[in-house]
Amino acid sequence: MERIFTIEEARALMPDVLARAEEFVAIRADMSELAHDLRRGERSPIGGLAEAKAFEARMDEILGWFDEQGIEVKGVAPLLVDFPAELDGVPVRLCWLEGDAELAWYHRTDLGFPGRRPLG
């Protein structure tokens, strides 16, 4: 069953979301650079195949944490997550996008990101 968040519940999780997002973004950048070097057959100061596998596993763990909390990951580059919620009886998603300092946006569930509005 889908978890439905209040704004307060979602905002209470934001310190954990931001910490995991920061780690995810750093690993994503390292993974991108390492994968590029490996595809080109070049040595990378970041490592080799073993490090790529470790990065991939850690990224999966972080994404799994979001899922365990009931938070939907909508994109990974940039990282975009939604908290299922209701506002005035309307199904919405409280929306956080990589780079946002706080949870300050929502959109109707049926409209998606293009319908994004600031939380009042």
N, C-alpha and C. Protein backbone atom coordinates (compact mmCIF):
# COMPACT_ATOMS: atom_id res chain seq x y z
N MET A 1 0.83 -1.18 0.00
CA MET A 1 0.00 0.00 0.00
C MET A 1 0.88 1.25 0.00
N GLU A 2 0.49 2.22 -0.80
CA GLU A 2 1.25 3.45 -0.92
C GLU A 2 1.17 4.29 0.36
N ARG A 3 2.29 4.76 0.81
CA ARG A 3 2.33 5.65 1.97
C ARG A 3 1.89 7.04 1.53
N ILE A 4 1.04 7.66 2.32
CA ILE A 4 0.60 9.03 2.06
C ILE A 4 1.22 9.91 3.15
N PHE A 5 1.99 10.89 2.75
CA PHE A 5 2.69 11.77 3.67
C PHE A 5 1.89 13.04 3.94
N THR A 6 2.04 13.55 5.15
CA THR A 6 1.65 14.93 5.40
C THR A 6 2.86 15.79 5.03
N ILE A 7 2.63 17.08 4.87
CA ILE A 7 3.75 17.98 4.59
C ILE A 7 4.77 17.89 5.73
N GLU A 8 4.29 17.85 6.96
CA GLU A 8 5.18 17.79 8.12
C GLU A 8 6.00 16.51 8.13
N GLU A 9 5.37 15.37 7.81
CA GLU A 9 6.11 14.09 7.77
C GLU A 9 7.19 14.12 6.69
N ALA A 10 6.85 14.63 5.54
CA ALA A 10 7.82 14.71 4.45
C ALA A 10 8.97 15.64 4.81
N ARG A 11 8.64 16.79 5.36
CA ARG A 11 9.70 17.74 5.73
C ARG A 11 10.58 17.18 6.85
N ALA A 12 10.02 16.38 7.74
CA ALA A 12 10.82 15.76 8.81
C ALA A 12 11.86 14.79 8.25
N LEU A 13 11.59 14.21 7.09
CA LEU A 13 12.55 13.29 6.45
C LEU A 13 13.61 14.02 5.63
N MET A 14 13.44 15.31 5.42
CA MET A 14 14.35 16.04 4.52
C MET A 14 15.82 16.02 4.93
N PRO A 15 16.17 16.09 6.22
CA PRO A 15 17.60 15.97 6.54
C PRO A 15 18.21 14.67 6.03
N ASP A 16 17.47 13.56 6.17
CA ASP A 16 17.94 12.27 5.65
C ASP A 16 17.96 12.26 4.13
N VAL A 17 16.92 12.84 3.52
CA VAL A 17 16.88 12.93 2.05
C VAL A 17 18.07 13.71 1.53
N LEU A 18 18.34 14.86 2.13
CA LEU A 18 19.44 15.70 1.67
C LEU A 18 20.79 15.02 1.85
N ALA A 19 20.99 14.32 2.96
CA ALA A 19 22.25 13.62 3.19
C ALA A 19 22.45 12.51 2.16
N ARG A 20 21.41 11.73 1.91
CA ARG A 20 21.53 10.66 0.93
C ARG A 20 21.66 11.22 -0.48
N ALA A 21 20.96 12.30 -0.76
CA ALA A 21 21.07 12.93 -2.08
C ALA A 21 22.49 13.43 -2.32
N GLU A 22 23.09 14.05 -1.30
CA GLU A 22 24.45 14.56 -1.45
C GLU A 22 25.42 13.41 -1.76
N GLU A 23 25.27 12.31 -1.04
CA GLU A 23 26.14 11.15 -1.29
C GLU A 23 25.86 10.58 -2.68
N PHE A 24 24.59 10.47 -3.05
CA PHE A 24 24.22 9.92 -4.36
C PHE A 24 24.82 10.75 -5.48
N VAL A 25 24.72 12.07 -5.38
CA VAL A 25 25.23 12.96 -6.43
C VAL A 25 26.75 12.82 -6.56
N ALA A 26 27.45 12.73 -5.44
CA ALA A 26 28.90 12.56 -5.48
C ALA A 26 29.28 11.23 -6.14
N ILE A 27 28.59 10.16 -5.75
CA ILE A 27 28.88 8.85 -6.34
C ILE A 27 28.51 8.84 -7.82
N ARG A 28 27.40 9.45 -8.16
CA ARG A 28 26.97 9.52 -9.57
C ARG A 28 28.04 10.20 -10.42
N ALA A 29 28.63 11.27 -9.91
CA ALA A 29 29.69 11.97 -10.65
C ALA A 29 30.93 11.09 -10.80
N ASP A 30 31.34 10.44 -9.69
CA ASP A 30 32.49 9.54 -9.77
C ASP A 30 32.23 8.40 -10.73
N MET A 31 31.03 7.83 -10.66
CA MET A 31 30.67 6.71 -11.52
C MET A 31 30.69 7.13 -12.99
N SER A 32 30.19 8.31 -13.28
CA SER A 32 30.18 8.80 -14.65
C SER A 32 31.60 8.95 -15.19
N GLU A 33 32.46 9.55 -14.39
CA GLU A 33 33.85 9.72 -14.81
C GLU A 33 34.56 8.38 -14.98
N LEU A 34 34.36 7.50 -14.01
CA LEU A 34 35.00 6.18 -14.07
C LEU A 34 34.50 5.39 -15.27
N ALA A 35 33.20 5.39 -15.51
CA ALA A 35 32.64 4.66 -16.66
C ALA A 35 33.20 5.20 -17.96
N HIS A 36 33.33 6.51 -18.06
CA HIS A 36 33.89 7.11 -19.27
C HIS A 36 35.32 6.62 -19.50
N ASP A 37 36.13 6.66 -18.45
CA ASP A 37 37.52 6.21 -18.58
C ASP A 37 37.59 4.73 -18.94
N LEU A 38 36.75 3.91 -18.31
CA LEU A 38 36.77 2.47 -18.59
C LEU A 38 36.35 2.18 -20.03
N ARG A 39 35.35 2.91 -20.53
CA ARG A 39 34.92 2.71 -21.93
C ARG A 39 36.03 3.05 -22.91
N ARG A 40 36.82 4.02 -22.55
CA ARG A 40 37.92 4.45 -23.43
C ARG A 40 39.18 3.62 -23.23
N GLY A 41 39.14 2.70 -22.27
CA GLY A 41 40.31 1.86 -22.00
C GLY A 41 41.41 2.62 -21.30
N GLU A 42 41.06 3.71 -20.65
CA GLU A 42 42.06 4.53 -19.97
C GLU A 42 42.10 4.20 -18.48
N ARG A 43 43.25 4.48 -17.87
CA ARG A 43 43.38 4.35 -16.42
C ARG A 43 42.65 5.51 -15.78
N SER A 44 42.01 5.23 -14.68
CA SER A 44 41.28 6.28 -13.96
C SER A 44 41.84 6.40 -12.55
N PRO A 45 42.04 7.63 -12.10
CA PRO A 45 42.48 7.79 -10.70
C PRO A 45 41.41 7.35 -9.70
N ILE A 46 40.19 7.17 -10.18
CA ILE A 46 39.09 6.77 -9.30
C ILE A 46 39.12 5.27 -9.05
N GLY A 47 39.65 4.51 -9.98
CA GLY A 47 39.71 3.06 -9.80
C GLY A 47 39.44 2.31 -11.08
N GLY A 48 38.87 1.13 -10.90
CA GLY A 48 38.60 0.26 -12.03
C GLY A 48 37.24 -0.39 -11.90
N LEU A 49 37.12 -1.57 -12.45
CA LEU A 49 35.84 -2.27 -12.48
C LEU A 49 35.30 -2.55 -11.07
N ALA A 50 36.17 -2.92 -10.14
CA ALA A 50 35.73 -3.20 -8.77
C ALA A 50 35.09 -1.96 -8.14
N GLU A 51 35.70 -0.80 -8.36
CA GLU A 51 35.16 0.44 -7.81
C GLU A 51 33.84 0.80 -8.49
N ALA A 52 33.75 0.55 -9.79
CA ALA A 52 32.49 0.81 -10.50
C ALA A 52 31.37 -0.05 -9.93
N LYS A 53 31.66 -1.30 -9.66
CA LYS A 53 30.65 -2.19 -9.07
C LYS A 53 30.26 -1.71 -7.67
N ALA A 54 31.24 -1.25 -6.90
CA ALA A 54 30.94 -0.75 -5.55
C ALA A 54 30.09 0.52 -5.62
N PHE A 55 30.40 1.42 -6.55
CA PHE A 55 29.59 2.63 -6.73
C PHE A 55 28.16 2.26 -7.09
N GLU A 56 28.03 1.33 -8.02
CA GLU A 56 26.71 0.89 -8.46
C GLU A 56 25.91 0.30 -7.29
N ALA A 57 26.56 -0.52 -6.49
CA ALA A 57 25.89 -1.13 -5.35
C ALA A 57 25.46 -0.07 -4.33
N ARG A 58 26.31 0.91 -4.08
CA ARG A 58 25.95 1.95 -3.11
C ARG A 58 24.81 2.82 -3.64
N MET A 59 24.83 3.13 -4.92
CA MET A 59 23.74 3.90 -5.51
C MET A 59 22.42 3.13 -5.37
N ASP A 60 22.46 1.83 -5.60
CA ASP A 60 21.26 1.00 -5.44
C ASP A 60 20.78 1.00 -3.99
N GLU A 61 21.71 0.97 -3.03
CA GLU A 61 21.33 1.02 -1.61
C GLU A 61 20.62 2.34 -1.29
N ILE A 62 21.17 3.42 -1.79
CA ILE A 62 20.57 4.73 -1.52
C ILE A 62 19.18 4.81 -2.14
N LEU A 63 19.04 4.38 -3.38
CA LEU A 63 17.73 4.39 -4.03
C LEU A 63 16.76 3.47 -3.29
N GLY A 64 17.25 2.36 -2.76
CA GLY A 64 16.42 1.45 -1.99
C GLY A 64 15.90 2.09 -0.71
N TRP A 65 16.72 2.94 -0.10
CA TRP A 65 16.28 3.64 1.11
C TRP A 65 15.06 4.51 0.80
N PHE A 66 15.10 5.24 -0.32
CA PHE A 66 13.95 6.07 -0.70
C PHE A 66 12.70 5.20 -0.84
N ASP A 67 12.85 4.09 -1.52
CA ASP A 67 11.72 3.17 -1.71
C ASP A 67 11.18 2.66 -0.38
N GLU A 68 12.07 2.29 0.53
CA GLU A 68 11.66 1.80 1.85
C GLU A 68 10.85 2.84 2.62
N GLN A 69 11.14 4.10 2.42
CA GLN A 69 10.44 5.17 3.11
C GLN A 69 9.09 5.49 2.46
N GLY A 70 8.86 4.98 1.25
CA GLY A 70 7.65 5.32 0.51
C GLY A 70 7.82 6.53 -0.38
N ILE A 71 9.07 6.95 -0.56
CA ILE A 71 9.40 8.10 -1.41
C ILE A 71 9.67 7.58 -2.82
N GLU A 72 9.06 8.21 -3.80
CA GLU A 72 9.21 7.79 -5.20
C GLU A 72 10.38 8.51 -5.85
N VAL A 73 11.30 7.75 -6.44
CA VAL A 73 12.40 8.35 -7.20
C VAL A 73 11.93 8.45 -8.64
N LYS A 74 11.85 9.69 -9.14
CA LYS A 74 11.35 9.94 -10.49
C LYS A 74 12.46 10.15 -11.49
N GLY A 75 13.65 10.47 -11.02
CA GLY A 75 14.80 10.68 -11.90
C GLY A 75 16.07 10.66 -11.10
N VAL A 76 17.19 10.33 -11.76
CA VAL A 76 18.47 10.26 -11.05
C VAL A 76 19.48 11.28 -11.54
N ALA A 77 19.22 11.93 -12.66
CA ALA A 77 20.14 12.95 -13.18
C ALA A 77 19.33 14.03 -13.90
N PRO A 78 18.84 15.00 -13.19
CA PRO A 78 19.04 15.27 -11.77
C PRO A 78 18.16 14.37 -10.90
N LEU A 79 18.55 14.26 -9.64
CA LEU A 79 17.78 13.47 -8.69
C LEU A 79 16.46 14.19 -8.41
N LEU A 80 15.38 13.47 -8.59
CA LEU A 80 14.03 14.01 -8.41
C LEU A 80 13.22 13.00 -7.63
N VAL A 81 12.66 13.43 -6.48
CA VAL A 81 11.86 12.52 -5.66
C VAL A 81 10.52 13.15 -5.34
N ASP A 82 9.52 12.29 -5.20
CA ASP A 82 8.17 12.70 -4.86
C ASP A 82 7.69 11.96 -3.62
N PHE A 83 6.98 12.70 -2.77
CA PHE A 83 6.32 12.14 -1.60
C PHE A 83 4.83 12.11 -1.91
N PRO A 84 4.20 10.94 -2.02
CA PRO A 84 2.75 10.90 -2.22
C PRO A 84 2.04 11.60 -1.06
N ALA A 85 1.07 12.44 -1.39
CA ALA A 85 0.36 13.22 -0.37
C ALA A 85 -1.02 13.58 -0.89
N GLU A 86 -1.78 14.26 -0.04
CA GLU A 86 -3.07 14.83 -0.44
C GLU A 86 -3.13 16.25 0.07
N LEU A 87 -3.60 17.16 -0.77
CA LEU A 87 -3.84 18.53 -0.36
C LEU A 87 -5.28 18.86 -0.70
N ASP A 88 -6.05 19.20 0.29
CA ASP A 88 -7.47 19.51 0.11
C ASP A 88 -8.21 18.38 -0.60
N GLY A 89 -7.86 17.13 -0.25
CA GLY A 89 -8.51 15.96 -0.82
C GLY A 89 -8.05 15.59 -2.22
N VAL A 90 -7.07 16.31 -2.77
CA VAL A 90 -6.57 16.04 -4.12
C VAL A 90 -5.25 15.29 -4.01
N PRO A 91 -5.10 14.17 -4.73
CA PRO A 91 -3.82 13.46 -4.72
C PRO A 91 -2.73 14.31 -5.37
N VAL A 92 -1.63 14.48 -4.62
CA VAL A 92 -0.51 15.28 -5.10
C VAL A 92 0.79 14.55 -4.80
N ARG A 93 1.85 15.09 -5.31
CA ARG A 93 3.20 14.65 -4.98
C ARG A 93 3.94 15.87 -4.47
N LEU A 94 4.46 15.76 -3.24
CA LEU A 94 5.36 16.78 -2.71
C LEU A 94 6.69 16.52 -3.39
N CYS A 95 7.22 17.51 -4.05
CA CYS A 95 8.27 17.31 -5.04
C CYS A 95 9.58 17.98 -4.61
N TRP A 96 10.67 17.19 -4.59
CA TRP A 96 12.00 17.73 -4.30
C TRP A 96 12.90 17.42 -5.48
N LEU A 97 13.61 18.44 -5.95
CA LEU A 97 14.53 18.32 -7.07
C LEU A 97 15.94 18.65 -6.60
N GLU A 98 16.89 17.85 -7.05
CA GLU A 98 18.30 18.10 -6.73
C GLU A 98 18.60 19.59 -6.87
N GLY A 99 19.22 20.13 -5.84
CA GLY A 99 19.53 21.55 -5.83
C GLY A 99 18.58 22.37 -4.97
N ASP A 100 17.37 21.85 -4.73
CA ASP A 100 16.44 22.53 -3.84
C ASP A 100 16.97 22.43 -2.40
N ALA A 101 16.88 23.53 -1.66
CA ALA A 101 17.37 23.54 -0.28
C ALA A 101 16.37 22.91 0.68
N GLU A 102 15.09 22.87 0.27
CA GLU A 102 14.05 22.34 1.14
C GLU A 102 12.92 21.77 0.29
N LEU A 103 11.98 21.15 0.95
CA LEU A 103 10.79 20.64 0.28
C LEU A 103 9.80 21.80 0.17
N ALA A 104 9.67 22.37 -1.02
CA ALA A 104 8.88 23.59 -1.18
C ALA A 104 7.94 23.55 -2.38
N TRP A 105 7.80 22.40 -3.02
CA TRP A 105 7.00 22.30 -4.25
C TRP A 105 6.07 21.09 -4.20
N TYR A 106 5.02 21.14 -4.98
CA TYR A 106 4.12 20.01 -5.16
C TYR A 106 3.55 20.07 -6.57
N HIS A 107 2.96 18.97 -6.99
CA HIS A 107 2.20 18.93 -8.23
C HIS A 107 1.10 17.90 -8.09
N ARG A 108 0.01 18.13 -8.79
CA ARG A 108 -1.05 17.12 -8.79
C ARG A 108 -0.48 15.83 -9.36
N THR A 109 -0.93 14.71 -8.82
CA THR A 109 -0.44 13.42 -9.26
C THR A 109 -0.70 13.22 -10.75
N ASP A 110 -1.84 13.66 -11.24
CA ASP A 110 -2.19 13.43 -12.64
C ASP A 110 -1.50 14.39 -13.61
N LEU A 111 -0.83 15.42 -13.09
CA LEU A 111 -0.16 16.38 -13.96
C LEU A 111 1.35 16.18 -14.05
N GLY A 112 1.94 15.66 -13.00
CA GLY A 112 3.38 15.47 -13.00
C GLY A 112 4.15 16.78 -12.90
N PHE A 113 5.43 16.70 -13.17
CA PHE A 113 6.36 17.81 -12.97
C PHE A 113 5.93 19.11 -13.67
N PRO A 114 5.36 19.06 -14.89
CA PRO A 114 4.96 20.32 -15.52
C PRO A 114 3.94 21.12 -14.72
N GLY A 115 3.21 20.45 -13.82
CA GLY A 115 2.22 21.13 -13.00
C GLY A 115 2.77 21.57 -11.64
N ARG A 116 4.06 21.63 -11.51
CA ARG A 116 4.72 21.95 -10.25
C ARG A 116 4.37 23.35 -9.77
N ARG A 117 4.03 23.46 -8.47
CA ARG A 117 3.66 24.74 -7.85
C ARG A 117 4.35 24.83 -6.49
N PRO A 118 4.57 26.06 -6.01
CA PRO A 118 5.16 26.20 -4.67
C PRO A 118 4.14 25.83 -3.59
N LEU A 119 4.64 25.17 -2.54
CA LEU A 119 3.78 24.89 -1.39
C LEU A 119 3.46 26.20 -0.70
N GLY A 120 2.23 26.35 -0.27
CA GLY A 120 1.81 27.61 0.35
C GLY A 120 2.21 27.77 1.74
